[in-house]
Amino acid sequence: MFVQPRILTENLCAPQSSSQYLVQVLVPETAIRLIAEDLGGIPLNMAKNVMNDSVEFGFYVHKDSNT
């Protein structure tokens, strides 16, 4: 029922850096909203599914030539 002591450390409670927030929150959210708009205003959950379904295609088309 109570929070166990010493579980919440300074590292676990530290805020994200600006670059982490940009990459992990703003870019994906913007992409989902652009997909929804491009597909005629579909709901955001459907746009997220479209984005997830296109990951394999994106890896194929933008293959890293160094590997």
N, C-alpha and C. Protein backbone atom coordinates (compact mmCIF):
# COMPACT_ATOMS: atom_id res chain seq x y z
N MET A 1 0.82 -1.19 0.00
CA MET A 1 0.00 0.00 0.00
C MET A 1 0.86 1.25 0.00
N PHE A 2 1.97 1.22 0.68
CA PHE A 2 2.84 2.38 0.74
C PHE A 2 3.99 2.20 -0.25
N VAL A 3 4.56 3.31 -0.69
CA VAL A 3 5.70 3.26 -1.59
C VAL A 3 6.89 2.68 -0.84
N GLN A 4 7.55 1.72 -1.47
CA GLN A 4 8.71 1.11 -0.84
C GLN A 4 9.87 2.11 -0.83
N PRO A 5 10.57 2.20 0.28
CA PRO A 5 11.67 3.17 0.36
C PRO A 5 12.81 2.82 -0.60
N ARG A 6 13.48 3.83 -1.06
CA ARG A 6 14.67 3.73 -1.92
C ARG A 6 14.40 3.18 -3.32
N ILE A 7 13.15 3.11 -3.73
CA ILE A 7 12.86 2.68 -5.10
C ILE A 7 12.95 3.86 -6.05
N LEU A 8 12.46 5.01 -5.61
CA LEU A 8 12.50 6.20 -6.46
C LEU A 8 13.84 6.90 -6.26
N THR A 9 14.78 6.59 -7.12
CA THR A 9 16.09 7.22 -7.04
C THR A 9 16.11 8.49 -7.87
N GLU A 10 17.15 9.26 -7.70
CA GLU A 10 17.28 10.50 -8.46
C GLU A 10 17.33 10.22 -9.96
N ASN A 11 18.00 9.14 -10.36
CA ASN A 11 18.08 8.80 -11.78
C ASN A 11 16.72 8.42 -12.36
N LEU A 12 15.91 7.71 -11.58
CA LEU A 12 14.61 7.28 -12.07
C LEU A 12 13.61 8.43 -12.11
N CYS A 13 13.82 9.45 -11.32
CA CYS A 13 12.88 10.57 -11.25
C CYS A 13 13.33 11.79 -12.04
N ALA A 14 14.49 11.72 -12.65
CA ALA A 14 15.02 12.87 -13.39
C ALA A 14 14.17 13.13 -14.62
N PRO A 15 13.96 14.39 -14.96
CA PRO A 15 13.19 14.70 -16.16
C PRO A 15 13.97 14.34 -17.42
N GLN A 16 13.25 14.19 -18.52
CA GLN A 16 13.89 13.92 -19.80
C GLN A 16 14.67 15.14 -20.27
N SER A 17 15.71 14.89 -21.02
CA SER A 17 16.42 16.00 -21.65
C SER A 17 15.56 16.52 -22.80
N SER A 18 15.92 17.68 -23.29
CA SER A 18 15.17 18.27 -24.41
C SER A 18 15.20 17.36 -25.63
N SER A 19 16.35 16.79 -25.93
CA SER A 19 16.45 15.93 -27.11
C SER A 19 15.67 14.63 -26.93
N GLN A 20 15.67 14.07 -25.71
CA GLN A 20 14.87 12.87 -25.45
C GLN A 20 13.40 13.16 -25.64
N TYR A 21 12.93 14.29 -25.13
CA TYR A 21 11.51 14.66 -25.27
C TYR A 21 11.15 14.86 -26.73
N LEU A 22 12.03 15.49 -27.47
CA LEU A 22 11.79 15.74 -28.88
C LEU A 22 11.64 14.43 -29.64
N VAL A 23 12.57 13.50 -29.42
CA VAL A 23 12.59 12.23 -30.16
C VAL A 23 11.49 11.27 -29.69
N GLN A 24 11.24 11.21 -28.39
CA GLN A 24 10.33 10.22 -27.85
C GLN A 24 8.88 10.68 -27.79
N VAL A 25 8.64 11.99 -27.83
CA VAL A 25 7.26 12.48 -27.69
C VAL A 25 6.83 13.32 -28.89
N LEU A 26 7.55 14.40 -29.16
CA LEU A 26 7.09 15.36 -30.17
C LEU A 26 7.12 14.82 -31.60
N VAL A 27 8.20 14.15 -31.98
CA VAL A 27 8.28 13.63 -33.35
C VAL A 27 7.21 12.58 -33.62
N PRO A 28 7.06 11.56 -32.76
CA PRO A 28 6.00 10.57 -33.04
C PRO A 28 4.59 11.19 -33.03
N GLU A 29 4.33 12.09 -32.10
CA GLU A 29 3.00 12.71 -32.03
C GLU A 29 2.72 13.54 -33.28
N THR A 30 3.72 14.27 -33.74
CA THR A 30 3.56 15.06 -34.96
C THR A 30 3.34 14.15 -36.17
N ALA A 31 4.08 13.07 -36.24
CA ALA A 31 3.93 12.13 -37.35
C ALA A 31 2.52 11.54 -37.38
N ILE A 32 2.01 11.15 -36.23
CA ILE A 32 0.65 10.58 -36.16
C ILE A 32 -0.38 11.60 -36.63
N ARG A 33 -0.22 12.84 -36.20
CA ARG A 33 -1.19 13.87 -36.60
C ARG A 33 -1.09 14.20 -38.09
N LEU A 34 0.11 14.17 -38.65
CA LEU A 34 0.26 14.41 -40.09
C LEU A 34 -0.34 13.26 -40.90
N ILE A 35 -0.14 12.03 -40.45
CA ILE A 35 -0.74 10.88 -41.13
C ILE A 35 -2.26 10.98 -41.09
N ALA A 36 -2.81 11.33 -39.93
CA ALA A 36 -4.27 11.46 -39.80
C ALA A 36 -4.79 12.52 -40.75
N GLU A 37 -4.10 13.65 -40.84
CA GLU A 37 -4.53 14.73 -41.73
C GLU A 37 -4.42 14.31 -43.20
N ASP A 38 -3.31 13.65 -43.54
CA ASP A 38 -3.11 13.22 -44.93
C ASP A 38 -4.15 12.21 -45.38
N LEU A 39 -4.64 11.40 -44.44
CA LEU A 39 -5.63 10.38 -44.79
C LEU A 39 -7.06 10.85 -44.54
N GLY A 40 -7.27 12.14 -44.62
CA GLY A 40 -8.62 12.70 -44.58
C GLY A 40 -9.20 12.88 -43.20
N GLY A 41 -8.34 13.05 -42.21
CA GLY A 41 -8.85 13.31 -40.87
C GLY A 41 -9.29 12.07 -40.12
N ILE A 42 -8.59 10.95 -40.36
CA ILE A 42 -8.95 9.72 -39.64
C ILE A 42 -8.62 9.88 -38.16
N PRO A 43 -9.22 9.07 -37.29
CA PRO A 43 -8.91 9.16 -35.86
C PRO A 43 -7.43 8.88 -35.59
N LEU A 44 -6.91 9.46 -34.51
CA LEU A 44 -5.50 9.34 -34.20
C LEU A 44 -5.08 7.89 -33.93
N ASN A 45 -5.95 7.10 -33.34
CA ASN A 45 -5.58 5.70 -33.08
C ASN A 45 -5.41 4.93 -34.40
N MET A 46 -6.21 5.26 -35.41
CA MET A 46 -6.05 4.63 -36.71
C MET A 46 -4.76 5.11 -37.38
N ALA A 47 -4.44 6.39 -37.22
CA ALA A 47 -3.20 6.92 -37.79
C ALA A 47 -1.99 6.27 -37.13
N LYS A 48 -2.08 6.01 -35.85
CA LYS A 48 -0.98 5.33 -35.15
C LYS A 48 -0.81 3.92 -35.68
N ASN A 49 -1.91 3.24 -35.98
CA ASN A 49 -1.83 1.90 -36.57
C ASN A 49 -1.18 1.95 -37.95
N VAL A 50 -1.51 2.96 -38.74
CA VAL A 50 -0.89 3.13 -40.06
C VAL A 50 0.62 3.31 -39.90
N MET A 51 1.02 4.14 -38.95
CA MET A 51 2.44 4.37 -38.72
C MET A 51 3.14 3.08 -38.30
N ASN A 52 2.55 2.34 -37.38
CA ASN A 52 3.14 1.08 -36.92
C ASN A 52 3.22 0.06 -38.05
N ASP A 53 2.19 0.02 -38.90
CA ASP A 53 2.17 -0.94 -40.01
C ASP A 53 3.20 -0.60 -41.09
N SER A 54 3.65 0.64 -41.14
CA SER A 54 4.59 1.04 -42.19
C SER A 54 6.05 0.96 -41.75
N VAL A 55 6.32 0.52 -40.54
CA VAL A 55 7.70 0.46 -40.03
C VAL A 55 8.56 -0.45 -40.89
N GLU A 56 8.09 -1.64 -41.21
CA GLU A 56 8.88 -2.59 -41.99
C GLU A 56 9.20 -2.01 -43.38
N PHE A 57 8.23 -1.38 -44.00
CA PHE A 57 8.44 -0.75 -45.30
C PHE A 57 9.50 0.35 -45.20
N GLY A 58 9.42 1.15 -44.15
CA GLY A 58 10.39 2.23 -43.95
C GLY A 58 11.80 1.71 -43.79
N PHE A 59 11.95 0.62 -43.05
CA PHE A 59 13.28 0.02 -42.89
C PHE A 59 13.80 -0.49 -44.23
N TYR A 60 12.92 -1.05 -45.05
CA TYR A 60 13.33 -1.59 -46.35
C TYR A 60 13.75 -0.45 -47.30
N VAL A 61 12.94 0.58 -47.38
CA VAL A 61 13.20 1.69 -48.31
C VAL A 61 14.42 2.50 -47.88
N HIS A 62 14.59 2.71 -46.59
CA HIS A 62 15.68 3.55 -46.08
C HIS A 62 16.76 2.70 -45.44
N LYS A 63 17.09 1.59 -46.11
CA LYS A 63 18.09 0.69 -45.57
C LYS A 63 19.43 1.39 -45.41
N ASP A 64 20.08 1.15 -44.29
CA ASP A 64 21.39 1.73 -44.01
C ASP A 64 22.43 1.03 -44.87
N SER A 65 23.14 1.77 -45.69
CA SER A 65 24.12 1.17 -46.59
C SER A 65 25.37 0.70 -45.85
N ASN A 66 25.53 1.10 -44.59
CA ASN A 66 26.71 0.71 -43.81
C ASN A 66 26.60 -0.70 -43.24
N THR A 67 25.42 -1.31 -43.29
CA THR A 67 25.26 -2.64 -42.69
C THR A 67 25.20 -3.71 -43.74
